[in-house]
Protein backbone atom coordinates (compact mmCIF):
# COMPACT_ATOMS: atom_id res chain seq x y z
CA MET A 1 -43.21 -0.90 31.57
CA LYS A 2 -44.48 -0.51 27.98
CA GLU A 3 -42.15 2.33 27.42
CA ALA A 4 -39.02 0.39 28.34
CA LEU A 5 -40.12 -2.37 25.85
CA ARG A 6 -40.78 0.23 23.15
CA GLN A 7 -37.37 1.60 23.74
CA SER A 8 -35.83 -1.79 23.62
CA GLU A 9 -37.43 -2.54 20.22
CA SER A 10 -36.36 0.77 19.03
CA CYS A 11 -32.80 0.05 20.22
CA LEU A 12 -32.87 -3.41 18.43
CA TRP A 13 -33.84 -1.73 15.02
CA THR A 14 -31.18 0.96 15.41
CA SER A 15 -28.28 -1.49 16.40
CA THR A 16 -29.12 -3.69 13.69
CA MET A 17 -29.07 -0.98 11.05
CA LEU A 18 -25.92 0.45 12.33
CA PHE A 19 -24.31 -3.13 12.42
CA THR A 20 -25.50 -3.74 8.94
CA TRP A 21 -24.18 -0.27 7.82
CA LEU A 22 -20.84 -1.12 9.69
CA ARG A 23 -20.12 -4.24 7.76
CA LEU A 24 -20.17 -2.23 4.50
CA VAL A 25 -17.98 0.56 6.05
CA ARG A 26 -15.40 -1.79 7.33
CA LEU A 27 -15.09 -3.11 3.94
CA GLN A 28 -14.80 0.28 2.22
CA HIS A 29 -12.11 0.97 4.79
CA LYS A 30 -10.02 -2.20 3.82
CA ALA A 31 -10.44 -1.19 0.14
CA VAL A 32 -9.15 2.23 0.68
CA ILE A 33 -6.11 0.73 2.28
CA LEU A 34 -5.47 -2.30 -0.15
CA LEU A 35 -6.38 -0.64 -3.51
CA PRO A 36 -3.67 2.03 -3.68
CA ILE A 37 -1.09 -0.84 -2.70
CA ILE A 38 -2.40 -3.29 -5.35
CA LEU A 39 -2.90 -0.42 -8.09
CA THR A 40 0.74 0.93 -7.38
CA GLY A 41 2.22 -2.60 -7.53
CA LEU A 42 0.36 -3.36 -10.74
CA ALA A 43 1.43 0.07 -12.34
CA GLY A 44 5.03 -0.69 -11.36
CA PHE A 45 5.40 -4.05 -12.98
CA SER A 46 7.16 -3.98 -16.44
CA TYR A 47 5.14 -6.82 -17.81
CA VAL A 48 1.70 -5.10 -17.06
CA LYS A 49 3.03 -2.29 -19.29
CA GLU A 50 3.43 -4.72 -22.24
CA TRP A 51 -0.17 -6.13 -21.66
CA VAL A 52 -2.30 -2.95 -21.34
CA PRO A 53 -2.23 0.50 -23.03
CA ALA A 54 0.05 2.98 -21.31
CA TRP A 55 -2.96 5.20 -20.40
CA SER A 56 -4.35 2.48 -18.25
CA VAL A 57 -1.12 2.20 -16.26
CA ALA A 58 -1.28 5.87 -15.92
CA LEU A 59 -4.81 5.53 -14.70
CA MET A 60 -3.80 3.03 -12.01
CA ALA A 61 -0.97 5.11 -10.79
CA PHE A 62 -3.47 8.28 -10.54
CA PHE A 63 -6.17 6.15 -8.73
CA SER A 64 -3.56 4.85 -6.37
CA THR A 65 -2.75 8.46 -5.39
CA LEU A 66 -6.33 9.65 -5.46
CA ILE A 67 -7.97 7.10 -3.18
CA PRO A 68 -6.20 7.85 0.07
CA SER A 69 -6.93 11.59 -0.42
CA ILE A 70 -10.76 10.86 -0.98
CA ALA A 71 -10.61 8.61 1.85
CA GLU A 72 -9.31 11.39 4.06
CA ALA A 73 -11.81 13.89 2.84
CA LEU A 74 -14.53 11.51 3.61
CA ASP A 75 -13.32 10.64 6.99
CA ILE A 76 -13.95 6.99 6.62
CA GLN A 77 -11.84 6.02 9.57
CA THR A 78 -13.93 8.24 11.83
CA HIS A 79 -17.07 6.62 10.57
CA VAL A 80 -15.93 3.28 11.36
CA ASP A 81 -15.15 4.20 14.87
CA GLU A 82 -18.26 6.10 15.49
CA LEU A 83 -20.42 3.23 13.91
CA LYS A 84 -18.68 0.69 16.08
CA ARG A 85 -19.58 2.94 19.22
CA LEU A 86 -23.03 3.68 18.56
CA ALA A 87 -24.07 0.16 17.43
CA ALA A 88 -22.63 -1.22 20.60
CA GLU A 89 -24.26 1.63 22.74
CA TYR A 90 -27.74 0.85 21.09
CA LYS A 91 -27.21 -2.81 21.80
CA ALA A 92 -26.39 -2.31 25.28
CA LEU A 93 -29.33 -0.08 25.74
CA GLN A 94 -31.57 -2.41 24.34
CA ASP A 95 -30.63 -5.02 26.84
CA ARG A 96 -30.98 -2.64 29.60
CA PHE A 97 -34.41 -1.36 28.68
CA ARG A 98 -35.61 -5.29 28.24
CA ARG A 99 -34.35 -5.92 31.65
CA LEU A 100 -35.85 -2.78 33.14
CA ALA A 101 -39.14 -3.90 31.65
CA ARG A 102 -39.04 -7.57 32.53
CA ILE A 103 -37.32 -7.40 35.93
CA THR A 104 -36.97 -4.11 37.56
CA ALA A 105 -40.32 -2.81 36.69
CA LEU A 106 -41.68 -5.80 38.65
CA GLY A 107 -40.34 -4.34 42.01
CA ASN A 108 -40.44 -0.72 43.27
CA VAL A 109 -42.19 1.46 40.86
CA ASP A 110 -39.98 4.49 41.78
CA GLU A 111 -36.84 2.56 41.44
CA ALA A 112 -38.07 1.57 37.91
CA GLU A 113 -38.96 5.19 36.86
CA LYS A 114 -35.69 6.37 37.99
CA ALA A 115 -33.93 3.58 36.06
CA LEU A 116 -36.10 4.42 32.99
CA ALA A 117 -35.06 8.25 33.30
CA GLU A 118 -31.34 7.28 33.49
CA LEU A 119 -31.73 5.10 30.37
CA MET A 120 -33.44 7.91 28.50
CA ASP A 121 -30.61 10.15 29.28
CA ARG A 122 -28.03 7.45 27.98
CA MET A 123 -30.26 7.17 24.99
CA ASP A 124 -30.26 11.00 24.44
CA VAL A 125 -26.62 11.04 24.52
CA ALA A 126 -26.59 8.32 21.70
CA ARG A 127 -29.11 10.03 19.49
CA SER A 128 -27.19 13.26 19.93
CA SER A 129 -24.66 12.13 17.29
CA SER A 130 -27.43 12.31 14.70
CA ILE A 131 -25.84 9.84 12.43
CA THR A 132 -28.11 8.75 9.62
CA PRO A 133 -27.90 5.53 7.98
CA PRO A 134 -28.90 5.30 4.19
CA GLN A 135 -32.49 3.80 3.91
CA ARG A 136 -31.16 0.62 2.42
CA TYR A 137 -29.85 -0.44 5.78
CA PHE A 138 -32.98 0.07 7.52
CA ASP A 139 -34.72 -2.27 4.96
CA ASP A 140 -31.97 -4.80 5.60
CA ALA A 141 -32.48 -4.42 9.43
CA ARG A 142 -36.35 -4.79 8.88
CA ARG A 143 -35.77 -7.99 6.78
CA GLN A 144 -33.33 -9.45 9.36
CA ILE A 145 -35.62 -8.73 12.33
CA GLU A 146 -39.01 -9.77 10.69
CA SER A 147 -37.44 -13.00 9.55
CA GLY A 148 -36.63 -13.93 13.21
CA HIS A 149 -32.79 -13.36 13.25
CA TYR A 150 -33.05 -11.83 16.69
CA ASP A 151 -35.69 -13.80 18.46
CA PHE A 152 -34.79 -16.00 21.14
CA ALA A 153 -36.05 -19.42 22.00
CA VAL A 154 -36.43 -18.60 25.59
CA ASP A 155 -38.87 -15.62 24.87
CA LEU A 156 -41.15 -17.96 22.55
CA SER A 157 -43.97 -20.05 23.45
CA ALA A 158 -43.46 -23.87 23.81
CA GLY A 159 -43.65 -25.45 20.41
CA GLU A 160 -42.63 -22.46 18.51
CA MET A 161 -39.21 -21.96 16.81
CA PRO A 162 -37.17 -18.75 16.84
CA SER A 163 -38.28 -17.81 13.13
CA GLY A 164 -41.96 -18.11 14.27
CA LYS A 165 -42.74 -21.40 12.82
CA LYS A 166 -44.48 -24.28 14.33
CA LEU A 167 -42.80 -27.34 15.20
CA ASP A 168 -44.54 -30.47 14.06
């Protein structure tokens, strides 16, 4: 079941890329919540007005009201929810495809073909969202995967570490 292994690897790359992107989107979401509160607080303190020019206090107040509007327009919360859902779905599919190739395919061929068709249907649903991460997250995922972050010792030959290095 080479196709199941191929799909498992594809899901590994996609889920890794999505989880990497999700980290930044979550950070952006937190910043969108906290920055307006902090800027409003700073603009309201009277001693800040003595230390900085009046135009900078006005800018802090302006940005504290602008940031939530921008976040709403960009729909950041939806991105967090969708990325969480898709990353988890691709990770689950990765495991299911791997199990299919390593366990189910060793039994009844017709049953394995049926299971593959069902998993491909799930994959089609996951792909239908057409979410496209920026290229840098693909590059980050490649570095993580190729450096052995997702290798399991149980899958490696004796005497080899998960990173691919040989034990002395």
